Amino acid sequence: MYMLNTVLRNLFSKPATRNYPFVPSHTFPRMRGKLLIHADKCNFCRLCQVRCPVLCISVDPQQSTWAYDPFECVSCGICIDVCPSDCLFMENKPCAPSPQKYRSHVQGVPRPKAAGRAKRKDDVADGSAEVDAAAKPQTADAEKKTKQNNKITTKK
């Protein structure tokens, strides 16, 4: 008899849960949801990949690709906080249900090399450190120091 009251009350009341895929849930303004990227703003620096606690993000700067696994992501938001170009953001909607696992791949625009940057050894065929004309020092003392540094690096 004690349980009969509970059964009858639950039988004639509305359900306590939603039929989720068919009835969308209410979202909150600061809710963390699906991770998205603006590929045109991304500089493919790999900071998001390095700081991700579950390693669900992979970045390839040579191919200018960015990928992440939404099924491994815990929506912590660390990648968004460390991104220097502010290209990562989260929607305030949950990820849509999917019958299969997938990885989200984004192809970005390859970035031209920065002018005035000292070239690395793999950029130059003979291994010497060449500096662009726009990056040359202005004073004679600075030129002498630069020449001494170049001699040190080329003697390896």
N, C-alpha and C. Protein backbone atom coordinates (compact mmCIF):
# COMPACT_ATOMS: atom_id res chain seq x y z
N MET A 1 0.81 -1.19 0.00
CA MET A 1 0.00 0.00 0.00
C MET A 1 0.86 1.26 0.00
N TYR A 2 1.99 1.18 0.69
CA TYR A 2 2.89 2.32 0.77
C TYR A 2 3.42 2.70 -0.61
N MET A 3 3.71 1.74 -1.45
CA MET A 3 4.28 1.99 -2.77
C MET A 3 3.19 2.36 -3.79
N LEU A 4 1.96 2.02 -3.53
CA LEU A 4 0.87 2.29 -4.47
C LEU A 4 0.69 3.78 -4.69
N ASN A 5 0.85 4.61 -3.69
CA ASN A 5 0.74 6.07 -3.85
C ASN A 5 1.81 6.59 -4.80
N THR A 6 3.04 6.12 -4.68
CA THR A 6 4.14 6.56 -5.54
C THR A 6 3.91 6.11 -6.98
N VAL A 7 3.45 4.90 -7.17
CA VAL A 7 3.20 4.38 -8.52
C VAL A 7 2.09 5.17 -9.20
N LEU A 8 1.02 5.45 -8.53
CA LEU A 8 -0.09 6.19 -9.13
C LEU A 8 0.30 7.64 -9.43
N ARG A 9 1.09 8.25 -8.52
CA ARG A 9 1.53 9.62 -8.76
C ARG A 9 2.43 9.70 -10.00
N ASN A 10 3.35 8.76 -10.15
CA ASN A 10 4.25 8.76 -11.31
C ASN A 10 3.54 8.37 -12.59
N LEU A 11 2.52 7.57 -12.49
CA LEU A 11 1.78 7.13 -13.66
C LEU A 11 1.00 8.27 -14.30
N PHE A 12 0.47 9.20 -13.50
CA PHE A 12 -0.36 10.27 -14.03
C PHE A 12 0.34 11.62 -14.12
N SER A 13 1.62 11.69 -13.81
CA SER A 13 2.37 12.94 -13.94
C SER A 13 3.20 12.92 -15.22
N LYS A 14 3.72 14.08 -15.60
CA LYS A 14 4.54 14.12 -16.81
C LYS A 14 5.90 13.50 -16.53
N PRO A 15 6.62 13.05 -17.58
CA PRO A 15 7.91 12.38 -17.36
C PRO A 15 8.95 13.33 -16.77
N ALA A 16 9.89 12.77 -16.03
CA ALA A 16 10.93 13.56 -15.38
C ALA A 16 12.08 13.89 -16.33
N THR A 17 12.19 13.15 -17.41
CA THR A 17 13.27 13.37 -18.38
C THR A 17 12.72 13.77 -19.73
N ARG A 18 13.61 14.31 -20.59
CA ARG A 18 13.23 14.68 -21.96
C ARG A 18 13.55 13.55 -22.91
N ASN A 19 12.88 13.53 -24.02
CA ASN A 19 13.20 12.61 -25.11
C ASN A 19 14.26 13.31 -25.95
N TYR A 20 15.55 13.29 -25.47
CA TYR A 20 16.60 14.21 -25.92
C TYR A 20 16.77 14.41 -27.43
N PRO A 21 17.01 13.43 -28.23
CA PRO A 21 17.29 13.81 -29.63
C PRO A 21 16.12 14.51 -30.31
N PHE A 22 14.92 14.23 -29.85
CA PHE A 22 13.74 14.79 -30.51
C PHE A 22 13.28 16.09 -29.85
N VAL A 23 13.53 16.24 -28.58
CA VAL A 23 13.19 17.46 -27.85
C VAL A 23 14.50 18.10 -27.40
N PRO A 24 14.88 19.23 -28.00
CA PRO A 24 16.17 19.83 -27.64
C PRO A 24 16.19 20.30 -26.18
N SER A 25 17.36 20.21 -25.59
CA SER A 25 17.50 20.62 -24.20
C SER A 25 17.74 22.13 -24.13
N HIS A 26 17.47 22.69 -22.98
CA HIS A 26 17.67 24.12 -22.75
C HIS A 26 19.16 24.37 -22.55
N THR A 27 19.71 25.35 -23.23
CA THR A 27 21.13 25.67 -23.08
C THR A 27 21.28 26.95 -22.26
N PHE A 28 22.40 27.04 -21.56
CA PHE A 28 22.71 28.19 -20.73
C PHE A 28 23.74 29.05 -21.44
N PRO A 29 23.82 30.34 -21.16
CA PRO A 29 24.73 31.23 -21.89
C PRO A 29 26.21 30.84 -21.79
N ARG A 30 26.67 30.33 -20.64
CA ARG A 30 28.08 29.99 -20.47
C ARG A 30 28.33 28.49 -20.54
N MET A 31 27.41 27.75 -21.12
CA MET A 31 27.56 26.30 -21.24
C MET A 31 28.68 25.96 -22.21
N ARG A 32 29.49 24.97 -21.87
CA ARG A 32 30.54 24.50 -22.77
C ARG A 32 29.97 23.40 -23.63
N GLY A 33 30.17 23.52 -24.94
CA GLY A 33 29.62 22.53 -25.85
C GLY A 33 30.63 22.10 -26.89
N LYS A 34 30.24 22.22 -28.14
CA LYS A 34 31.07 21.76 -29.25
C LYS A 34 32.21 22.75 -29.51
N LEU A 35 33.42 22.22 -29.69
CA LEU A 35 34.60 23.04 -29.97
C LEU A 35 34.66 23.35 -31.46
N LEU A 36 34.84 24.62 -31.80
CA LEU A 36 34.92 25.05 -33.20
C LEU A 36 36.15 25.91 -33.40
N ILE A 37 36.56 26.07 -34.67
CA ILE A 37 37.76 26.83 -34.98
C ILE A 37 37.50 27.72 -36.19
N HIS A 38 38.11 28.91 -36.18
CA HIS A 38 38.18 29.77 -37.36
C HIS A 38 39.53 29.48 -38.00
N ALA A 39 39.55 28.65 -39.03
CA ALA A 39 40.81 28.20 -39.63
C ALA A 39 41.57 29.35 -40.30
N ASP A 40 40.86 30.37 -40.76
CA ASP A 40 41.54 31.48 -41.41
C ASP A 40 42.33 32.34 -40.41
N LYS A 41 41.98 32.30 -39.12
CA LYS A 41 42.70 33.06 -38.10
C LYS A 41 43.80 32.24 -37.44
N CYS A 42 43.77 30.93 -37.59
CA CYS A 42 44.70 30.04 -36.89
C CYS A 42 46.10 30.14 -37.49
N ASN A 43 47.13 30.16 -36.62
CA ASN A 43 48.51 30.18 -37.10
C ASN A 43 49.19 28.83 -36.92
N PHE A 44 48.45 27.80 -36.49
CA PHE A 44 48.92 26.42 -36.36
C PHE A 44 50.18 26.34 -35.49
N CYS A 45 50.11 26.96 -34.32
CA CYS A 45 51.26 27.02 -33.41
C CYS A 45 51.37 25.79 -32.50
N ARG A 46 50.36 24.98 -32.42
CA ARG A 46 50.30 23.74 -31.64
C ARG A 46 50.15 23.96 -30.13
N LEU A 47 49.89 25.16 -29.68
CA LEU A 47 49.71 25.37 -28.24
C LEU A 47 48.47 24.63 -27.72
N CYS A 48 47.42 24.61 -28.51
CA CYS A 48 46.21 23.91 -28.08
C CYS A 48 46.46 22.40 -27.98
N GLN A 49 47.25 21.87 -28.89
CA GLN A 49 47.58 20.45 -28.88
C GLN A 49 48.43 20.09 -27.66
N VAL A 50 49.38 20.94 -27.33
CA VAL A 50 50.27 20.67 -26.21
C VAL A 50 49.54 20.77 -24.87
N ARG A 51 48.65 21.72 -24.72
CA ARG A 51 47.98 21.96 -23.44
C ARG A 51 46.72 21.13 -23.22
N CYS A 52 46.23 20.43 -24.24
CA CYS A 52 45.01 19.63 -24.10
C CYS A 52 45.27 18.48 -23.12
N PRO A 53 44.50 18.35 -22.03
CA PRO A 53 44.77 17.31 -21.04
C PRO A 53 44.46 15.90 -21.53
N VAL A 54 43.57 15.75 -22.50
CA VAL A 54 43.23 14.41 -22.99
C VAL A 54 43.79 14.14 -24.38
N LEU A 55 44.57 15.08 -24.92
CA LEU A 55 45.23 14.93 -26.23
C LEU A 55 44.25 14.61 -27.35
N CYS A 56 43.15 15.32 -27.39
CA CYS A 56 42.16 15.08 -28.44
C CYS A 56 42.38 15.99 -29.65
N ILE A 57 43.31 16.95 -29.57
CA ILE A 57 43.58 17.88 -30.66
C ILE A 57 44.90 17.51 -31.32
N SER A 58 44.91 17.51 -32.66
CA SER A 58 46.17 17.31 -33.39
C SER A 58 46.30 18.41 -34.45
N VAL A 59 47.49 19.01 -34.50
CA VAL A 59 47.76 20.12 -35.41
C VAL A 59 48.98 19.76 -36.25
N ASP A 60 48.89 20.00 -37.57
CA ASP A 60 50.02 19.77 -38.46
C ASP A 60 50.33 21.09 -39.17
N PRO A 61 51.38 21.81 -38.74
CA PRO A 61 51.68 23.11 -39.35
C PRO A 61 52.15 23.01 -40.80
N GLN A 62 52.82 21.91 -41.18
CA GLN A 62 53.29 21.77 -42.56
C GLN A 62 52.10 21.63 -43.53
N GLN A 63 51.10 20.87 -43.14
CA GLN A 63 49.93 20.67 -43.99
C GLN A 63 48.82 21.70 -43.73
N SER A 64 48.98 22.50 -42.69
CA SER A 64 47.98 23.49 -42.25
C SER A 64 46.64 22.82 -41.96
N THR A 65 46.69 21.73 -41.18
CA THR A 65 45.47 21.03 -40.80
C THR A 65 45.33 21.03 -39.29
N TRP A 66 44.08 21.02 -38.84
CA TRP A 66 43.72 20.99 -37.44
C TRP A 66 42.62 19.96 -37.29
N ALA A 67 42.75 19.05 -36.34
CA ALA A 67 41.74 18.01 -36.15
C ALA A 67 41.52 17.80 -34.66
N TYR A 68 40.30 17.39 -34.32
CA TYR A 68 40.02 17.05 -32.94
C TYR A 68 38.95 15.98 -32.88
N ASP A 69 39.00 15.20 -31.80
CA ASP A 69 38.06 14.10 -31.59
C ASP A 69 37.02 14.54 -30.56
N PRO A 70 35.78 14.80 -30.99
CA PRO A 70 34.77 15.28 -30.05
C PRO A 70 34.36 14.25 -29.01
N PHE A 71 34.65 12.97 -29.26
CA PHE A 71 34.28 11.93 -28.30
C PHE A 71 35.30 11.80 -27.18
N GLU A 72 36.51 12.33 -27.37
CA GLU A 72 37.51 12.33 -26.31
C GLU A 72 37.53 13.66 -25.56
N CYS A 73 37.05 14.72 -26.18
CA CYS A 73 37.10 16.06 -25.58
C CYS A 73 36.22 16.11 -24.33
N VAL A 74 36.77 16.71 -23.26
CA VAL A 74 36.02 16.86 -22.01
C VAL A 74 35.48 18.27 -21.84
N SER A 75 35.63 19.11 -22.84
CA SER A 75 35.12 20.49 -22.85
C SER A 75 35.63 21.31 -21.68
N CYS A 76 36.93 21.20 -21.41
CA CYS A 76 37.51 21.94 -20.28
C CYS A 76 37.79 23.39 -20.65
N GLY A 77 38.05 23.69 -21.93
CA GLY A 77 38.28 25.05 -22.38
C GLY A 77 39.70 25.54 -22.25
N ILE A 78 40.64 24.67 -21.88
CA ILE A 78 42.04 25.09 -21.76
C ILE A 78 42.59 25.51 -23.12
N CYS A 79 42.24 24.79 -24.17
CA CYS A 79 42.73 25.12 -25.51
C CYS A 79 42.28 26.52 -25.93
N ILE A 80 41.10 26.91 -25.54
CA ILE A 80 40.58 28.24 -25.88
C ILE A 80 41.36 29.32 -25.13
N ASP A 81 41.70 29.04 -23.88
CA ASP A 81 42.42 30.02 -23.06
C ASP A 81 43.85 30.24 -23.55
N VAL A 82 44.53 29.19 -24.05
CA VAL A 82 45.94 29.33 -24.44
C VAL A 82 46.12 29.75 -25.89
N CYS A 83 45.08 29.78 -26.68
CA CYS A 83 45.19 30.11 -28.11
C CYS A 83 45.60 31.58 -28.28
N PRO A 84 46.78 31.85 -28.89
CA PRO A 84 47.22 33.24 -29.04
C PRO A 84 46.46 34.01 -30.10
N SER A 85 45.88 33.31 -31.07
CA SER A 85 45.18 34.01 -32.16
C SER A 85 43.67 34.05 -31.95
N ASP A 86 43.17 33.55 -30.83
CA ASP A 86 41.74 33.54 -30.51
C ASP A 86 40.89 32.95 -31.62
N CYS A 87 41.35 31.84 -32.19
CA CYS A 87 40.59 31.22 -33.27
C CYS A 87 39.70 30.08 -32.77
N LEU A 88 39.90 29.62 -31.54
CA LEU A 88 39.07 28.55 -30.98
C LEU A 88 37.94 29.14 -30.13
N PHE A 89 36.78 28.51 -30.22
CA PHE A 89 35.65 28.91 -29.39
C PHE A 89 34.71 27.73 -29.24
N MET A 90 33.82 27.81 -28.27
CA MET A 90 32.84 26.75 -28.04
C MET A 90 31.44 27.29 -28.22
N GLU A 91 30.62 26.48 -28.89
CA GLU A 91 29.20 26.80 -28.97
C GLU A 91 28.57 26.48 -27.62
N ASN A 92 27.47 27.10 -27.33
CA ASN A 92 26.79 26.76 -26.08
C ASN A 92 25.70 25.71 -26.32
N LYS A 93 25.93 24.85 -27.31
CA LYS A 93 25.03 23.74 -27.60
C LYS A 93 25.82 22.44 -27.47
N PRO A 94 25.20 21.39 -26.97
CA PRO A 94 25.92 20.13 -26.86
C PRO A 94 26.16 19.51 -28.24
N CYS A 95 27.12 18.59 -28.30
CA CYS A 95 27.38 17.88 -29.56
C CYS A 95 26.16 17.03 -29.91
N ALA A 96 25.87 16.95 -31.19
CA ALA A 96 24.75 16.15 -31.64
C ALA A 96 25.07 14.66 -31.48
N PRO A 97 24.09 13.85 -31.15
CA PRO A 97 24.35 12.41 -31.02
C PRO A 97 24.72 11.82 -32.37
N SER A 98 25.62 10.85 -32.34
CA SER A 98 26.10 10.23 -33.57
C SER A 98 26.20 8.72 -33.37
N PRO A 99 25.81 7.93 -34.36
CA PRO A 99 25.91 6.48 -34.21
C PRO A 99 27.35 5.96 -34.35
N GLN A 100 28.25 6.79 -34.92
CA GLN A 100 29.64 6.36 -35.12
C GLN A 100 30.58 7.41 -34.58
N LYS A 101 31.81 6.98 -34.26
CA LYS A 101 32.84 7.92 -33.85
C LYS A 101 33.42 8.59 -35.09
N TYR A 102 33.84 9.82 -34.95
CA TYR A 102 34.45 10.54 -36.06
C TYR A 102 35.44 11.56 -35.50
N ARG A 103 36.33 12.06 -36.36
CA ARG A 103 37.26 13.15 -36.02
C ARG A 103 36.90 14.33 -36.91
N SER A 104 36.92 15.50 -36.34
CA SER A 104 36.63 16.72 -37.08
C SER A 104 37.94 17.26 -37.66
N HIS A 105 38.05 17.34 -38.99
CA HIS A 105 39.25 17.84 -39.67
C HIS A 105 38.96 19.19 -40.32
N VAL A 106 39.90 20.12 -40.18
CA VAL A 106 39.77 21.45 -40.79
C VAL A 106 41.06 21.75 -41.54
N GLN A 107 40.93 22.12 -42.80
CA GLN A 107 42.08 22.51 -43.61
C GLN A 107 42.19 24.03 -43.59
N GLY A 108 43.35 24.52 -43.18
CA GLY A 108 43.57 25.95 -43.10
C GLY A 108 44.33 26.47 -44.29
N VAL A 109 44.62 27.75 -44.26
CA VAL A 109 45.38 28.42 -45.31
C VAL A 109 46.85 28.40 -44.91
N PRO A 110 47.75 27.89 -45.76
CA PRO A 110 49.17 27.91 -45.41
C PRO A 110 49.66 29.33 -45.21
N ARG A 111 50.45 29.53 -44.19
CA ARG A 111 50.97 30.84 -43.85
C ARG A 111 52.30 31.08 -44.56
N PRO A 112 52.49 32.28 -45.14
CA PRO A 112 53.80 32.59 -45.72
C PRO A 112 54.81 32.80 -44.60
N LYS A 113 56.07 32.58 -44.91
CA LYS A 113 57.12 32.78 -43.90
C LYS A 113 57.24 34.26 -43.61
N ALA A 114 57.48 34.57 -42.35
CA ALA A 114 57.56 35.96 -41.92
C ALA A 114 58.81 36.61 -42.50
N ALA A 115 58.68 37.81 -43.03
CA ALA A 115 59.82 38.54 -43.56
C ALA A 115 60.65 39.05 -42.41
N GLY A 116 61.96 38.99 -42.56
CA GLY A 116 62.85 39.49 -41.53
C GLY A 116 63.20 38.45 -40.48
N ARG A 117 62.68 37.27 -40.59
CA ARG A 117 62.97 36.22 -39.65
C ARG A 117 64.24 35.50 -40.07
N ALA A 118 65.12 35.18 -39.14
CA ALA A 118 66.32 34.44 -39.47
C ALA A 118 65.91 33.03 -39.90
N LYS A 119 66.48 32.56 -40.98
CA LYS A 119 66.10 31.25 -41.50
C LYS A 119 66.74 30.15 -40.66
N ARG A 120 66.04 29.03 -40.57
CA ARG A 120 66.56 27.90 -39.84
C ARG A 120 67.50 27.10 -40.73
N LYS A 121 68.22 26.16 -40.15
CA LYS A 121 69.17 25.37 -40.92
C LYS A 121 68.50 24.55 -42.01
N ASP A 122 67.30 24.03 -41.73
CA ASP A 122 66.63 23.22 -42.75
C ASP A 122 66.03 24.09 -43.86
N ASP A 123 65.91 25.42 -43.65
CA ASP A 123 65.43 26.31 -44.70
C ASP A 123 66.54 26.65 -45.69
N VAL A 124 67.79 26.63 -45.24
CA VAL A 124 68.92 27.03 -46.08
C VAL A 124 69.71 25.78 -46.43
N ALA A 125 70.10 25.64 -47.68
CA ALA A 125 70.77 24.44 -48.15
C ALA A 125 72.14 24.25 -47.51
N ASP A 126 72.96 25.31 -47.38
CA ASP A 126 74.32 25.16 -46.86
C ASP A 126 74.39 25.20 -45.35
N GLY A 127 73.31 25.48 -44.64
CA GLY A 127 73.27 25.46 -43.19
C GLY A 127 73.68 26.76 -42.54
N SER A 128 74.02 27.79 -43.29
CA SER A 128 74.40 29.06 -42.67
C SER A 128 73.15 29.84 -42.31
N ALA A 129 73.26 30.67 -41.31
CA ALA A 129 72.12 31.47 -40.88
C ALA A 129 72.11 32.78 -41.66
N GLU A 130 71.17 32.89 -42.58
CA GLU A 130 71.04 34.11 -43.37
C GLU A 130 69.95 34.98 -42.75
N VAL A 131 70.16 36.27 -42.81
CA VAL A 131 69.19 37.21 -42.27
C VAL A 131 68.71 38.09 -43.40
N ASP A 132 67.41 38.34 -43.45
CA ASP A 132 66.83 39.18 -44.49
C ASP A 132 67.34 40.62 -44.35
N ALA A 133 67.36 41.36 -45.45
CA ALA A 133 67.89 42.73 -45.46
C ALA A 133 67.09 43.65 -44.54
N ALA A 134 65.79 43.41 -44.38
CA ALA A 134 64.98 44.26 -43.53
C ALA A 134 65.29 44.04 -42.05
N ALA A 135 65.89 42.91 -41.69
CA ALA A 135 66.16 42.60 -40.30
C ALA A 135 67.59 42.93 -39.89
N LYS A 136 68.39 43.56 -40.76
CA LYS A 136 69.78 43.88 -40.43
C LYS A 136 69.83 44.96 -39.36
N PRO A 137 70.81 44.90 -38.46
CA PRO A 137 70.91 45.89 -37.40
C PRO A 137 71.28 47.27 -37.94
N GLN A 138 70.98 48.29 -37.15
CA GLN A 138 71.18 49.66 -37.58
C GLN A 138 72.57 50.19 -37.20
N THR A 139 73.14 49.79 -36.08
CA THR A 139 74.40 50.35 -35.61
C THR A 139 75.57 49.45 -35.95
N ALA A 140 76.79 50.03 -35.92
CA ALA A 140 78.00 49.28 -36.24
C ALA A 140 78.29 48.24 -35.16
N ASP A 141 78.07 48.58 -33.88
CA ASP A 141 78.30 47.62 -32.80
C ASP A 141 77.38 46.41 -32.93
N ALA A 142 76.13 46.66 -33.28
CA ALA A 142 75.18 45.57 -33.45
C ALA A 142 75.56 44.70 -34.64
N GLU A 143 76.10 45.31 -35.72
CA GLU A 143 76.54 44.55 -36.88
C GLU A 143 77.70 43.63 -36.50
N LYS A 144 78.65 44.12 -35.69
CA LYS A 144 79.79 43.30 -35.27
C LYS A 144 79.31 42.11 -34.43
N LYS A 145 78.38 42.36 -33.53
CA LYS A 145 77.86 41.27 -32.70
C LYS A 145 77.14 40.23 -33.55
N THR A 146 76.38 40.70 -34.55
CA THR A 146 75.67 39.78 -35.42
C THR A 146 76.64 38.94 -36.23
N LYS A 147 77.72 39.56 -36.74
CA LYS A 147 78.72 38.81 -37.49
C LYS A 147 79.40 37.77 -36.61
N GLN A 148 79.71 38.14 -35.35
CA GLN A 148 80.33 37.19 -34.45
C GLN A 148 79.39 36.03 -34.15
N ASN A 149 78.12 36.32 -33.96
CA ASN A 149 77.14 35.26 -33.70
C ASN A 149 77.00 34.36 -34.91
N ASN A 150 77.01 34.92 -36.12
CA ASN A 150 76.91 34.11 -37.33
C ASN A 150 78.13 33.22 -37.48
N LYS A 151 79.33 33.72 -37.13
CA LYS A 151 80.53 32.91 -37.21
C LYS A 151 80.44 31.75 -36.25
N ILE A 152 79.93 32.01 -35.08
CA ILE A 152 79.81 30.95 -34.07
C ILE A 152 78.83 29.87 -34.56
N THR A 153 77.72 30.27 -35.12
CA THR A 153 76.74 29.29 -35.56
C THR A 153 77.18 28.53 -36.79
N THR A 154 77.97 29.15 -37.67
CA THR A 154 78.39 28.46 -38.89
C THR A 154 79.58 27.55 -38.67
N LYS A 155 80.31 27.67 -37.55
CA LYS A 155 81.46 26.82 -37.29
C LYS A 155 81.07 25.44 -36.81
N LYS A 156 79.83 25.21 -36.50
CA LYS A 156 79.38 23.91 -36.00
C LYS A 156 79.60 22.88 -37.01
